[in-house]
């Protein structure tokens, strides 16, 4: 090693970017699909931007900062959608975009856990 930081895992970098774009897309879907969807648009852009910043952090080999940003985004997004879709409305009245984002969030959590475990394992 020459002491230079190496870029982070390509999988977690791409997954964070894809997750951020999905969350932003969900906010746009809410805005275009219903009246009063401006709060959903703002929520989607803010949480998606945090996930995109996590992707940049992972790419720049700032893995701890990337994990903090990624976990913050996924916990807020998935937690809110689970609350709204499963508790507040009930599963039968949940919007498809909420269920899709919950599924994508679960996949992203698996990728984050795998990346964290892989980093903690000795070489």
C-alpha atoms as a PDB file:
ATOM      1  CA  UNK A   1       0.000   0.000   0.000  1.00  0.00           C
ATOM      2  CA  UNK A   2       1.186   3.489  -0.776  1.00  0.00           C
ATOM      3  CA  UNK A   3      -0.884   5.159   1.955  1.00  0.00           C
ATOM      4  CA  UNK A   4      -3.506   6.564  -0.399  1.00  0.00           C
ATOM      5  CA  UNK A   5      -7.149   5.833   0.389  1.00  0.00           C
ATOM      6  CA  UNK A   6      -8.757   3.444  -2.035  1.00  0.00           C
ATOM      7  CA  UNK A   7     -12.266   3.929  -3.270  1.00  0.00           C
ATOM      8  CA  UNK A   8     -14.972   2.031  -1.426  1.00  0.00           C
ATOM      9  CA  UNK A   9     -16.808  -1.071  -2.510  1.00  0.00           C
ATOM     10  CA  UNK A  10     -18.395  -0.663  -5.916  1.00  0.00           C
ATOM     11  CA  UNK A  11     -21.492  -2.588  -4.864  1.00  0.00           C
ATOM     12  CA  UNK A  12     -22.366  -0.390  -1.903  1.00  0.00           C
ATOM     13  CA  UNK A  13     -21.520   2.746  -3.885  1.00  0.00           C
ATOM     14  CA  UNK A  14     -23.863   1.788  -6.716  1.00  0.00           C
ATOM     15  CA  UNK A  15     -26.527   0.519  -4.318  1.00  0.00           C
ATOM     16  CA  UNK A  16     -26.524   3.823  -2.418  1.00  0.00           C
ATOM     17  CA  UNK A  17     -26.844   5.779  -5.648  1.00  0.00           C
ATOM     18  CA  UNK A  18     -29.652   3.535  -6.898  1.00  0.00           C
ATOM     19  CA  UNK A  19     -31.445   3.751  -3.549  1.00  0.00           C
ATOM     20  CA  UNK A  20     -31.214   7.540  -3.567  1.00  0.00           C
ATOM     21  CA  UNK A  21     -32.657   7.709  -7.074  1.00  0.00           C
ATOM     22  CA  UNK A  22     -35.471   5.318  -6.097  1.00  0.00           C
ATOM     23  CA  UNK A  23     -36.395   7.465  -3.101  1.00  0.00           C
ATOM     24  CA  UNK A  24     -36.356  10.600  -5.244  1.00  0.00           C
ATOM     25  CA  UNK A  25     -38.497   8.768  -7.812  1.00  0.00           C
ATOM     26  CA  UNK A  26     -40.951   7.819  -5.075  1.00  0.00           C
ATOM     27  CA  UNK A  27     -41.230  11.471  -4.059  1.00  0.00           C
ATOM     28  CA  UNK A  28     -41.912  12.438  -7.660  1.00  0.00           C
ATOM     29  CA  UNK A  29     -44.501   9.667  -7.933  1.00  0.00           C
ATOM     30  CA  UNK A  30     -46.257  11.000  -4.836  1.00  0.00           C
ATOM     31  CA  UNK A  31     -46.134  14.588  -6.135  1.00  0.00           C
ATOM     32  CA  UNK A  32     -47.468  13.730  -9.582  1.00  0.00           C
ATOM     33  CA  UNK A  33     -49.969  11.139  -8.385  1.00  0.00           C
ATOM     34  CA  UNK A  34     -51.912  12.990  -5.716  1.00  0.00           C
ATOM     35  CA  UNK A  35     -52.933  16.421  -4.579  1.00  0.00           C
ATOM     36  CA  UNK A  36     -50.912  17.809  -1.716  1.00  0.00           C
ATOM     37  CA  UNK A  37     -47.947  15.643  -2.656  1.00  0.00           C
ATOM     38  CA  UNK A  38     -45.435  18.446  -2.204  1.00  0.00           C
ATOM     39  CA  UNK A  39     -44.404  17.141   1.227  1.00  0.00           C
ATOM     40  CA  UNK A  40     -43.725  13.748  -0.358  1.00  0.00           C
ATOM     41  CA  UNK A  41     -41.630  15.448  -3.020  1.00  0.00           C
ATOM     42  CA  UNK A  42     -39.558  17.305  -0.418  1.00  0.00           C
ATOM     43  CA  UNK A  43     -39.180  14.151   1.697  1.00  0.00           C
ATOM     44  CA  UNK A  44     -38.092  12.172  -1.351  1.00  0.00           C
ATOM     45  CA  UNK A  45     -35.553  14.738  -2.471  1.00  0.00           C
ATOM     46  CA  UNK A  46     -34.021  15.217   0.979  1.00  0.00           C
ATOM     47  CA  UNK A  47     -33.765  11.513   1.837  1.00  0.00           C
ATOM     48  CA  UNK A  48     -32.659  10.647  -1.689  1.00  0.00           C
ATOM     49  CA  UNK A  49     -29.988  13.349  -1.575  1.00  0.00           C
ATOM     50  CA  UNK A  50     -28.673  11.916   1.699  1.00  0.00           C
ATOM     51  CA  UNK A  51     -28.398   8.471   0.076  1.00  0.00           C
ATOM     52  CA  UNK A  52     -26.631  10.016  -2.937  1.00  0.00           C
ATOM     53  CA  UNK A  53     -24.194  11.760  -0.582  1.00  0.00           C
ATOM     54  CA  UNK A  54     -23.574   8.368   1.041  1.00  0.00           C
ATOM     55  CA  UNK A  55     -22.724   7.017  -2.407  1.00  0.00           C
ATOM     56  CA  UNK A  56     -20.204   9.810  -2.913  1.00  0.00           C
ATOM     57  CA  UNK A  57     -18.725   9.108   0.524  1.00  0.00           C
ATOM     58  CA  UNK A  58     -18.366   5.391  -0.267  1.00  0.00           C
ATOM     59  CA  UNK A  59     -16.753   6.227  -3.605  1.00  0.00           C
ATOM     60  CA  UNK A  60     -14.301   8.556  -1.826  1.00  0.00           C
ATOM     61  CA  UNK A  61     -13.378   5.766   0.643  1.00  0.00           C
ATOM     62  CA  UNK A  62     -15.028   7.557   3.557  1.00  0.00           C
ATOM     63  CA  UNK A  63     -16.835   4.400   4.547  1.00  0.00           C
ATOM     64  CA  UNK A  64     -17.783   5.345   8.106  1.00  0.00           C
ATOM     65  CA  UNK A  65     -19.350   8.609   6.952  1.00  0.00           C
ATOM     66  CA  UNK A  66     -21.023   6.752   4.084  1.00  0.00           C
ATOM     67  CA  UNK A  67     -22.518   4.221   6.473  1.00  0.00           C
ATOM     68  CA  UNK A  68     -23.796   6.973   8.779  1.00  0.00           C
ATOM     69  CA  UNK A  69     -25.509   8.733   5.877  1.00  0.00           C
ATOM     70  CA  UNK A  70     -26.845   5.541   4.284  1.00  0.00           C
ATOM     71  CA  UNK A  71     -28.223   4.128   7.529  1.00  0.00           C
ATOM     72  CA  UNK A  72     -29.778   7.485   8.429  1.00  0.00           C
ATOM     73  CA  UNK A  73     -31.567   7.624   5.101  1.00  0.00           C
ATOM     74  CA  UNK A  74     -32.781   4.036   5.051  1.00  0.00           C
ATOM     75  CA  UNK A  75     -33.972   4.077   8.674  1.00  0.00           C
ATOM     76  CA  UNK A  76     -36.015   7.246   8.193  1.00  0.00           C
ATOM     77  CA  UNK A  77     -37.439   6.242   4.805  1.00  0.00           C
ATOM     78  CA  UNK A  78     -38.225   2.627   5.625  1.00  0.00           C
ATOM     79  CA  UNK A  79     -39.434   3.494   9.115  1.00  0.00           C
ATOM     80  CA  UNK A  80     -41.803   6.157   7.841  1.00  0.00           C
ATOM     81  CA  UNK A  81     -43.199   3.989   5.051  1.00  0.00           C
ATOM     82  CA  UNK A  82     -43.661   1.003   7.353  1.00  0.00           C
ATOM     83  CA  UNK A  83     -45.475   3.245   9.831  1.00  0.00           C
ATOM     84  CA  UNK A  84     -47.646   4.823   7.162  1.00  0.00           C
ATOM     85  CA  UNK A  85     -48.366   1.699   5.090  1.00  0.00           C
ATOM     86  CA  UNK A  86     -48.673  -0.916   7.804  1.00  0.00           C
ATOM     87  CA  UNK A  87     -49.875   0.938  10.912  1.00  0.00           C
ATOM     88  CA  UNK A  88     -51.585   4.150   9.864  1.00  0.00           C
ATOM     89  CA  UNK A  89     -53.392   2.962   6.704  1.00  0.00           C
ATOM     90  CA  UNK A  90     -53.177  -0.783   6.952  1.00  0.00           C
ATOM     91  CA  UNK A  91     -51.635  -3.137   4.432  1.00  0.00           C
ATOM     92  CA  UNK A  92     -54.766  -3.371   2.289  1.00  0.00           C
ATOM     93  CA  UNK A  93     -54.818   0.410   1.707  1.00  0.00           C
ATOM     94  CA  UNK A  94     -51.073   0.902   1.292  1.00  0.00           C
ATOM     95  CA  UNK A  95     -49.934   2.624  -1.894  1.00  0.00           C
ATOM     96  CA  UNK A  96     -47.851   0.530  -4.316  1.00  0.00           C
ATOM     97  CA  UNK A  97     -44.975   3.037  -4.150  1.00  0.00           C
ATOM     98  CA  UNK A  98     -44.784   2.588  -0.375  1.00  0.00           C
ATOM     99  CA  UNK A  99     -44.576  -1.178  -0.660  1.00  0.00           C
ATOM    100  CA  UNK A 100     -41.990  -0.927  -3.442  1.00  0.00           C
ATOM    101  CA  UNK A 101     -39.812   1.413  -1.377  1.00  0.00           C
ATOM    102  CA  UNK A 102     -40.115  -0.860   1.669  1.00  0.00           C
ATOM    103  CA  UNK A 103     -38.906  -3.793  -0.459  1.00  0.00           C
ATOM    104  CA  UNK A 104     -36.041  -1.804  -1.970  1.00  0.00           C
ATOM    105  CA  UNK A 105     -35.094  -0.549   1.500  1.00  0.00           C
ATOM    106  CA  UNK A 106     -34.881  -4.125   2.788  1.00  0.00           C
ATOM    107  CA  UNK A 107     -32.573  -5.068  -0.093  1.00  0.00           C
ATOM    108  CA  UNK A 108     -30.427  -1.992   0.572  1.00  0.00           C
ATOM    109  CA  UNK A 109     -30.202  -2.879   4.277  1.00  0.00           C
ATOM    110  CA  UNK A 110     -28.912  -6.317   3.295  1.00  0.00           C
ATOM    111  CA  UNK A 111     -26.247  -4.733   1.100  1.00  0.00           C
ATOM    112  CA  UNK A 112     -25.222  -2.343   3.898  1.00  0.00           C
ATOM    113  CA  UNK A 113     -24.980  -5.176   6.415  1.00  0.00           C
ATOM    114  CA  UNK A 114     -22.929  -7.269   4.014  1.00  0.00           C
ATOM    115  CA  UNK A 115     -20.599  -4.325   3.323  1.00  0.00           C
ATOM    116  CA  UNK A 116     -20.179  -3.686   7.049  1.00  0.00           C
ATOM    117  CA  UNK A 117     -19.471  -7.346   7.810  1.00  0.00           C
ATOM    118  CA  UNK A 118     -17.012  -7.589   4.909  1.00  0.00           C
ATOM    119  CA  UNK A 119     -15.143  -4.550   6.189  1.00  0.00           C
ATOM    120  CA  UNK A 120     -14.954  -5.968   9.713  1.00  0.00           C
ATOM    121  CA  UNK A 121     -13.608  -9.360   8.641  1.00  0.00           C
ATOM    122  CA  UNK A 122      -9.831  -9.790   8.713  1.00  0.00           C
ATOM    123  CA  UNK A 123      -8.117 -10.187   5.370  1.00  0.00           C
END
